PDB file of N, CA and C in Angstrom:
ATOM      1  N   UNK A   1       7.604   5.840   1.407  1.00  0.00           N
ATOM      2  CA  UNK A   1       6.254   6.141   0.979  1.00  0.00           C
ATOM      3  C   UNK A   1       5.701   7.230   1.887  1.00  0.00           C
ATOM      4  N   UNK A   2       5.248   8.346   1.333  1.00  0.00           N
ATOM      5  CA  UNK A   2       4.679   9.408   2.183  1.00  0.00           C
ATOM      6  C   UNK A   2       3.457   8.903   2.961  1.00  0.00           C
ATOM      7  N   UNK A   3       3.327   9.320   4.211  1.00  0.00           N
ATOM      8  CA  UNK A   3       2.216   8.888   5.052  1.00  0.00           C
ATOM      9  C   UNK A   3       0.885   9.410   4.512  1.00  0.00           C
ATOM     10  N   UNK A   4      -0.154   8.624   4.718  1.00  0.00           N
ATOM     11  CA  UNK A   4      -1.540   8.962   4.361  1.00  0.00           C
ATOM     12  C   UNK A   4      -1.721   9.218   2.875  1.00  0.00           C
ATOM     13  N   UNK A   5      -0.983   8.483   2.044  1.00  0.00           N
ATOM     14  CA  UNK A   5      -1.124   8.600   0.594  1.00  0.00           C
ATOM     15  C   UNK A   5      -1.238   7.216  -0.021  1.00  0.00           C
ATOM     16  N   UNK A   6      -1.628   7.190  -1.278  1.00  0.00           N
ATOM     17  CA  UNK A   6      -1.615   5.935  -2.011  1.00  0.00           C
ATOM     18  C   UNK A   6      -1.052   6.169  -3.406  1.00  0.00           C
ATOM     19  N   UNK A   7      -0.867   5.092  -4.129  1.00  0.00           N
ATOM     20  CA  UNK A   7      -0.208   5.178  -5.435  1.00  0.00           C
ATOM     21  C   UNK A   7      -1.054   5.905  -6.472  1.00  0.00           C
ATOM     22  N   UNK A   8      -2.344   6.126  -6.190  1.00  0.00           N
ATOM     23  CA  UNK A   8      -3.181   6.921  -7.085  1.00  0.00           C
ATOM     24  C   UNK A   8      -2.940   8.418  -6.895  1.00  0.00           C
ATOM     25  N   UNK A   9      -2.336   8.789  -5.760  1.00  0.00           N
ATOM     26  CA  UNK A   9      -2.135  10.200  -5.414  1.00  0.00           C
ATOM     27  C   UNK A   9      -0.720  10.708  -5.682  1.00  0.00           C
ATOM     28  N   UNK A  10       0.237   9.804  -5.751  1.00  0.00           N
ATOM     29  CA  UNK A  10       1.637  10.224  -5.913  1.00  0.00           C
ATOM     30  C   UNK A  10       2.271   9.522  -7.111  1.00  0.00           C
ATOM     31  N   UNK A  11       3.378  10.070  -7.576  1.00  0.00           N
ATOM     32  CA  UNK A  11       4.112   9.456  -8.675  1.00  0.00           C
ATOM     33  C   UNK A  11       5.021   8.347  -8.196  1.00  0.00           C
ATOM     34  N   UNK A  12       5.516   7.574  -9.128  1.00  0.00           N
ATOM     35  CA  UNK A  12       6.376   6.444  -8.771  1.00  0.00           C
ATOM     36  C   UNK A  12       7.705   6.878  -8.166  1.00  0.00           C
ATOM     37  N   UNK A  13       8.113   8.119  -8.417  1.00  0.00           N
ATOM     38  CA  UNK A  13       9.382   8.597  -7.869  1.00  0.00           C
ATOM     39  C   UNK A  13       9.251   9.142  -6.450  1.00  0.00           C
ATOM     40  N   UNK A  14       8.049   9.116  -5.869  1.00  0.00           N
ATOM     41  CA  UNK A  14       7.835   9.668  -4.531  1.00  0.00           C
ATOM     42  C   UNK A  14       8.150   8.672  -3.416  1.00  0.00           C
ATOM     43  N   UNK A  15       8.395   7.426  -3.757  1.00  0.00           N
ATOM     44  CA  UNK A  15       8.743   6.448  -2.730  1.00  0.00           C
ATOM     45  C   UNK A  15       9.972   5.666  -3.158  1.00  0.00           C
ATOM     46  N   UNK A  16      10.688   5.177  -2.173  1.00  0.00           N
ATOM     47  CA  UNK A  16      11.873   4.366  -2.463  1.00  0.00           C
ATOM     48  C   UNK A  16      11.805   3.040  -1.706  1.00  0.00           C
ATOM     49  N   UNK A  17      10.624   2.446  -1.691  1.00  0.00           N
ATOM     50  CA  UNK A  17      10.434   1.192  -0.972  1.00  0.00           C
ATOM     51  C   UNK A  17      11.192   0.032  -1.583  1.00  0.00           C
ATOM     52  N   UNK A  18      11.625   0.177  -2.812  1.00  0.00           N
ATOM     53  CA  UNK A  18      12.403  -0.889  -3.445  1.00  0.00           C
ATOM     54  C   UNK A  18      13.680  -1.170  -2.668  1.00  0.00           C
ATOM     55  N   UNK A  19      14.153  -0.203  -1.861  1.00  0.00           N
ATOM     56  CA  UNK A  19      15.359  -0.446  -1.069  1.00  0.00           C
ATOM     57  C   UNK A  19      15.084  -1.450   0.049  1.00  0.00           C
ATOM     58  N   UNK A  20      13.844  -1.553   0.495  1.00  0.00           N
ATOM     59  CA  UNK A  20      13.454  -2.526   1.519  1.00  0.00           C
ATOM     60  C   UNK A  20      13.223  -3.889   0.879  1.00  0.00           C
ATOM     61  N   UNK A  21      12.439  -3.881  -0.187  1.00  0.00           N
ATOM     62  CA  UNK A  21      12.123  -5.111  -0.908  1.00  0.00           C
ATOM     63  C   UNK A  21      11.874  -4.738  -2.363  1.00  0.00           C
ATOM     64  N   UNK A  22      12.658  -5.269  -3.252  1.00  0.00           N
ATOM     65  CA  UNK A  22      12.583  -4.914  -4.669  1.00  0.00           C
ATOM     66  C   UNK A  22      11.192  -5.146  -5.266  1.00  0.00           C
ATOM     67  N   UNK A  23      10.457  -6.115  -4.729  1.00  0.00           N
ATOM     68  CA  UNK A  23       9.116  -6.409  -5.243  1.00  0.00           C
ATOM     69  C   UNK A  23       8.147  -5.244  -5.057  1.00  0.00           C
ATOM     70  N   UNK A  24       8.402  -4.375  -4.071  1.00  0.00           N
ATOM     71  CA  UNK A  24       7.516  -3.237  -3.826  1.00  0.00           C
ATOM     72  C   UNK A  24       7.578  -2.195  -4.941  1.00  0.00           C
ATOM     73  N   UNK A  25       8.573  -2.258  -5.780  1.00  0.00           N
ATOM     74  CA  UNK A  25       8.653  -1.343  -6.920  1.00  0.00           C
ATOM     75  C   UNK A  25       7.645  -1.720  -7.997  1.00  0.00           C
ATOM     76  N   UNK A  26       7.182  -2.959  -7.987  1.00  0.00           N
ATOM     77  CA  UNK A  26       6.251  -3.462  -8.993  1.00  0.00           C
ATOM     78  C   UNK A  26       4.935  -3.817  -8.319  1.00  0.00           C
ATOM     79  N   UNK A  27       4.005  -2.896  -8.319  1.00  0.00           N
ATOM     80  CA  UNK A  27       2.735  -3.099  -7.629  1.00  0.00           C
ATOM     81  C   UNK A  27       1.586  -2.525  -8.459  1.00  0.00           C
ATOM     82  N   UNK A  28       0.393  -3.017  -8.164  1.00  0.00           N
ATOM     83  CA  UNK A  28      -0.818  -2.442  -8.754  1.00  0.00           C
ATOM     84  C   UNK A  28      -1.305  -1.281  -7.907  1.00  0.00           C
ATOM     85  N   UNK A  29      -1.248  -1.451  -6.595  1.00  0.00           N
ATOM     86  CA  UNK A  29      -1.751  -0.450  -5.659  1.00  0.00           C
ATOM     87  C   UNK A  29      -0.871  -0.478  -4.421  1.00  0.00           C
ATOM     88  N   UNK A  30      -0.571   0.703  -3.899  1.00  0.00           N
ATOM     89  CA  UNK A  30       0.269   0.830  -2.713  1.00  0.00           C
ATOM     90  C   UNK A  30      -0.300   1.951  -1.869  1.00  0.00           C
ATOM     91  N   UNK A  31      -0.457   1.722  -0.565  1.00  0.00           N
ATOM     92  CA  UNK A  31      -0.997   2.744   0.335  1.00  0.00           C
ATOM     93  C   UNK A  31      -0.229   2.731   1.650  1.00  0.00           C
ATOM     94  N   UNK A  32      -0.137   3.902   2.261  1.00  0.00           N
ATOM     95  CA  UNK A  32       0.572   4.040   3.518  1.00  0.00           C
ATOM     96  C   UNK A  32      -0.278   4.814   4.517  1.00  0.00           C
ATOM     97  N   UNK A  33      -0.495   4.218   5.697  1.00  0.00           N
ATOM     98  CA  UNK A  33      -1.170   4.882   6.813  1.00  0.00           C
ATOM     99  C   UNK A  33      -2.545   5.439   6.448  1.00  0.00           C
ATOM    100  N   UNK A  34      -3.322   4.646   5.702  1.00  0.00           N
ATOM    101  CA  UNK A  34      -4.700   5.005   5.385  1.00  0.00           C
ATOM    102  C   UNK A  34      -5.606   3.913   5.960  1.00  0.00           C
ATOM    103  N   UNK A  35      -6.846   4.276   6.295  1.00  0.00           N
ATOM    104  CA  UNK A  35      -7.763   3.260   6.811  1.00  0.00           C
ATOM    105  C   UNK A  35      -8.106   2.271   5.710  1.00  0.00           C
ATOM    106  N   UNK A  36      -8.357   1.036   6.101  1.00  0.00           N
ATOM    107  CA  UNK A  36      -8.757   0.023   5.127  1.00  0.00           C
ATOM    108  C   UNK A  36     -10.031   0.460   4.403  1.00  0.00           C
ATOM    109  N   UNK A  37     -10.906   1.151   5.117  1.00  0.00           N
ATOM    110  CA  UNK A  37     -12.163   1.631   4.545  1.00  0.00           C
ATOM    111  C   UNK A  37     -11.928   2.630   3.409  1.00  0.00           C
ATOM    112  N   UNK A  38     -10.868   3.430   3.512  1.00  0.00           N
ATOM    113  CA  UNK A  38     -10.612   4.465   2.504  1.00  0.00           C
ATOM    114  C   UNK A  38      -9.896   3.934   1.257  1.00  0.00           C
ATOM    115  N   UNK A  39      -9.449   2.692   1.297  1.00  0.00           N
ATOM    116  CA  UNK A  39      -8.739   2.113   0.158  1.00  0.00           C
ATOM    117  C   UNK A  39      -9.730   1.449  -0.792  1.00  0.00           C
ATOM    118  N   UNK A  40      -9.757   1.865  -2.053  1.00  0.00           N
ATOM    119  CA  UNK A  40     -10.747   1.338  -2.991  1.00  0.00           C
ATOM    120  C   UNK A  40     -10.605  -0.158  -3.276  1.00  0.00           C
ATOM    121  N   UNK A  41      -9.449  -0.736  -3.024  1.00  0.00           N
ATOM    122  CA  UNK A  41      -9.231  -2.142  -3.357  1.00  0.00           C
ATOM    123  C   UNK A  41      -9.708  -3.113  -2.289  1.00  0.00           C
ATOM    124  N   UNK A  42      -9.983  -2.636  -1.058  1.00  0.00           N
ATOM    125  CA  UNK A  42     -10.274  -3.564   0.036  1.00  0.00           C
ATOM    126  C   UNK A  42     -11.741  -3.947   0.161  1.00  0.00           C
ATOM    127  N   UNK A  43     -12.652  -3.040  -0.107  1.00  0.00           N
ATOM    128  CA  UNK A  43     -14.067  -3.314   0.115  1.00  0.00           C
ATOM    129  C   UNK A  43     -14.383  -3.524   1.585  1.00  0.00           C
ATOM    130  N   UNK A  44     -13.559  -2.974   2.463  1.00  0.00           N
ATOM    131  CA  UNK A  44     -13.695  -3.166   3.898  1.00  0.00           C
ATOM    132  C   UNK A  44     -14.341  -1.951   4.556  1.00  0.00           C
ATOM    133  N   UNK A  45     -15.018  -2.186   5.683  1.00  0.00           N
ATOM    134  CA  UNK A  45     -15.574  -1.096   6.489  1.00  0.00           C
ATOM    135  C   UNK A  45     -14.703  -0.819   7.713  1.00  0.00           C
ATOM    136  N   UNK A  46     -13.559  -1.479   7.795  1.00  0.00           N
ATOM    137  CA  UNK A  46     -12.677  -1.354   8.949  1.00  0.00           C
ATOM    138  C   UNK A  46     -11.962  -0.004   8.961  1.00  0.00           C
ATOM    139  N   UNK A  47     -11.790   0.529  10.164  1.00  0.00           N
ATOM    140  CA  UNK A  47     -11.040   1.772  10.322  1.00  0.00           C
ATOM    141  C   UNK A  47      -9.601   1.506  10.778  1.00  0.00           C
ATOM    142  N   UNK A  48      -9.177   0.252  10.730  1.00  0.00           N
ATOM    143  CA  UNK A  48      -7.783  -0.082  11.072  1.00  0.00           C
ATOM    144  C   UNK A  48      -6.861   0.530  10.031  1.00  0.00           C
ATOM    145  N   UNK A  49      -5.656   0.894  10.456  1.00  0.00           N
ATOM    146  CA  UNK A  49      -4.709   1.604   9.592  1.00  0.00           C
ATOM    147  C   UNK A  49      -3.390   0.834   9.499  1.00  0.00           C
ATOM    148  N   UNK A  50      -3.179   0.078   8.422  1.00  0.00           N
ATOM    149  CA  UNK A  50      -1.885  -0.602   8.259  1.00  0.00           C
ATOM    150  C   UNK A  50      -0.800   0.409   7.879  1.00  0.00           C
ATOM    151  N   UNK A  51       0.419   0.128   8.291  1.00  0.00           N
ATOM    152  CA  UNK A  51       1.534   0.997   7.906  1.00  0.00           C
ATOM    153  C   UNK A  51       1.721   1.007   6.402  1.00  0.00           C
ATOM    154  N   UNK A  52       1.569  -0.150   5.792  1.00  0.00           N
ATOM    155  CA  UNK A  52       1.769  -0.260   4.349  1.00  0.00           C
ATOM    156  C   UNK A  52       0.910  -1.394   3.809  1.00  0.00           C
ATOM    157  N   UNK A  53       0.234  -1.148   2.700  1.00  0.00           N
ATOM    158  CA  UNK A  53      -0.533  -2.175   2.028  1.00  0.00           C
ATOM    159  C   UNK A  53      -0.191  -2.127   0.551  1.00  0.00           C
ATOM    160  N   UNK A  54       0.085  -3.283  -0.038  1.00  0.00           N
ATOM    161  CA  UNK A  54       0.446  -3.333  -1.456  1.00  0.00           C
ATOM    162  C   UNK A  54      -0.204  -4.537  -2.108  1.00  0.00           C
ATOM    163  N   UNK A  55      -0.553  -4.387  -3.382  1.00  0.00           N
ATOM    164  CA  UNK A  55      -1.010  -5.531  -4.165  1.00  0.00           C
ATOM    165  C   UNK A  55       0.030  -5.797  -5.232  1.00  0.00           C
ATOM    166  N   UNK A  56       0.292  -7.046  -5.467  1.00  0.00           N
ATOM    167  CA  UNK A  56       1.265  -7.443  -6.483  1.00  0.00           C
ATOM    168  C   UNK A  56       0.622  -7.391  -7.854  1.00  0.00           C
ATOM    169  N   UNK A  57       1.433  -7.479  -8.862  1.00  0.00           N
ATOM    170  CA  UNK A  57       0.927  -7.477 -10.230  1.00  0.00           C
ATOM    171  C   UNK A  57      -0.008  -8.641 -10.507  1.00  0.00           C
ATOM    172  N   UNK A  58       0.168  -9.746  -9.803  1.00  0.00           N
ATOM    173  CA  UNK A  58      -0.691 -10.909 -10.010  1.00  0.00           C
ATOM    174  C   UNK A  58      -2.024 -10.767  -9.288  1.00  0.00           C
ATOM    175  N   UNK A  59      -2.199  -9.690  -8.524  1.00  0.00           N
ATOM    176  CA  UNK A  59      -3.478  -9.422  -7.893  1.00  0.00           C
ATOM    177  C   UNK A  59      -3.656  -9.967  -6.484  1.00  0.00           C
ATOM    178  N   UNK A  60      -2.656 -10.631  -5.927  1.00  0.00           N
ATOM    179  CA  UNK A  60      -2.801 -11.122  -4.556  1.00  0.00           C
ATOM    180  C   UNK A  60      -2.252 -10.077  -3.594  1.00  0.00           C
ATOM    181  N   UNK A  61      -3.027  -9.711  -2.558  1.00  0.00           N
ATOM    182  CA  UNK A  61      -2.567  -8.676  -1.631  1.00  0.00           C
ATOM    183  C   UNK A  61      -1.415  -9.148  -0.762  1.00  0.00           C
ATOM    184  N   UNK A  62      -0.553  -8.220  -0.440  1.00  0.00           N
ATOM    185  CA  UNK A  62       0.561  -8.471   0.473  1.00  0.00           C
ATOM    186  C   UNK A  62       0.335  -7.580   1.683  1.00  0.00           C
ATOM    187  N   UNK A  63       0.219  -8.161   2.857  1.00  0.00           N
ATOM    188  CA  UNK A  63      -0.049  -7.378   4.060  1.00  0.00           C
ATOM    189  C   UNK A  63       0.896  -7.856   5.152  1.00  0.00           C
ATOM    190  N   UNK A  64       1.611  -6.938   5.740  1.00  0.00           N
ATOM    191  CA  UNK A  64       2.511  -7.268   6.841  1.00  0.00           C
ATOM    192  C   UNK A  64       2.139  -6.413   8.036  1.00  0.00           C
ATOM    193  N   UNK A  65       2.075  -7.027   9.209  1.00  0.00           N
ATOM    194  CA  UNK A  65       1.708  -6.286  10.407  1.00  0.00           C
ATOM    195  C   UNK A  65       2.399  -6.892  11.613  1.00  0.00           C
ATOM    196  N   UNK A  66       2.627  -6.065  12.620  1.00  0.00           N
ATOM    197  CA  UNK A  66       3.167  -6.587  13.872  1.00  0.00           C
ATOM    198  C   UNK A  66       2.119  -7.436  14.549  1.00  0.00           C
ATOM    199  N   UNK A  67       2.554  -8.509  15.169  1.00  0.00           N
ATOM    200  CA  UNK A  67       1.625  -9.346  15.916  1.00  0.00           C
ATOM    201  C   UNK A  67       0.764 -10.180  15.034  1.00  0.00           C
TER     202      UNK A  67
END
């Protein structure tokens, strides 16, 4: 997934995250290295920047972080 982009900005062929986890190929929204505040799906005012944020087709967010 290109850094500082989201799935609204790039095409589906611009990332190959399915090689890490096949479920990442099927998402509603996917973002990489953007602030939580800049993501339209979060409704957050936080300036924290996750490496990757994805929502599943069922609408539940998937968030993985160190620590």
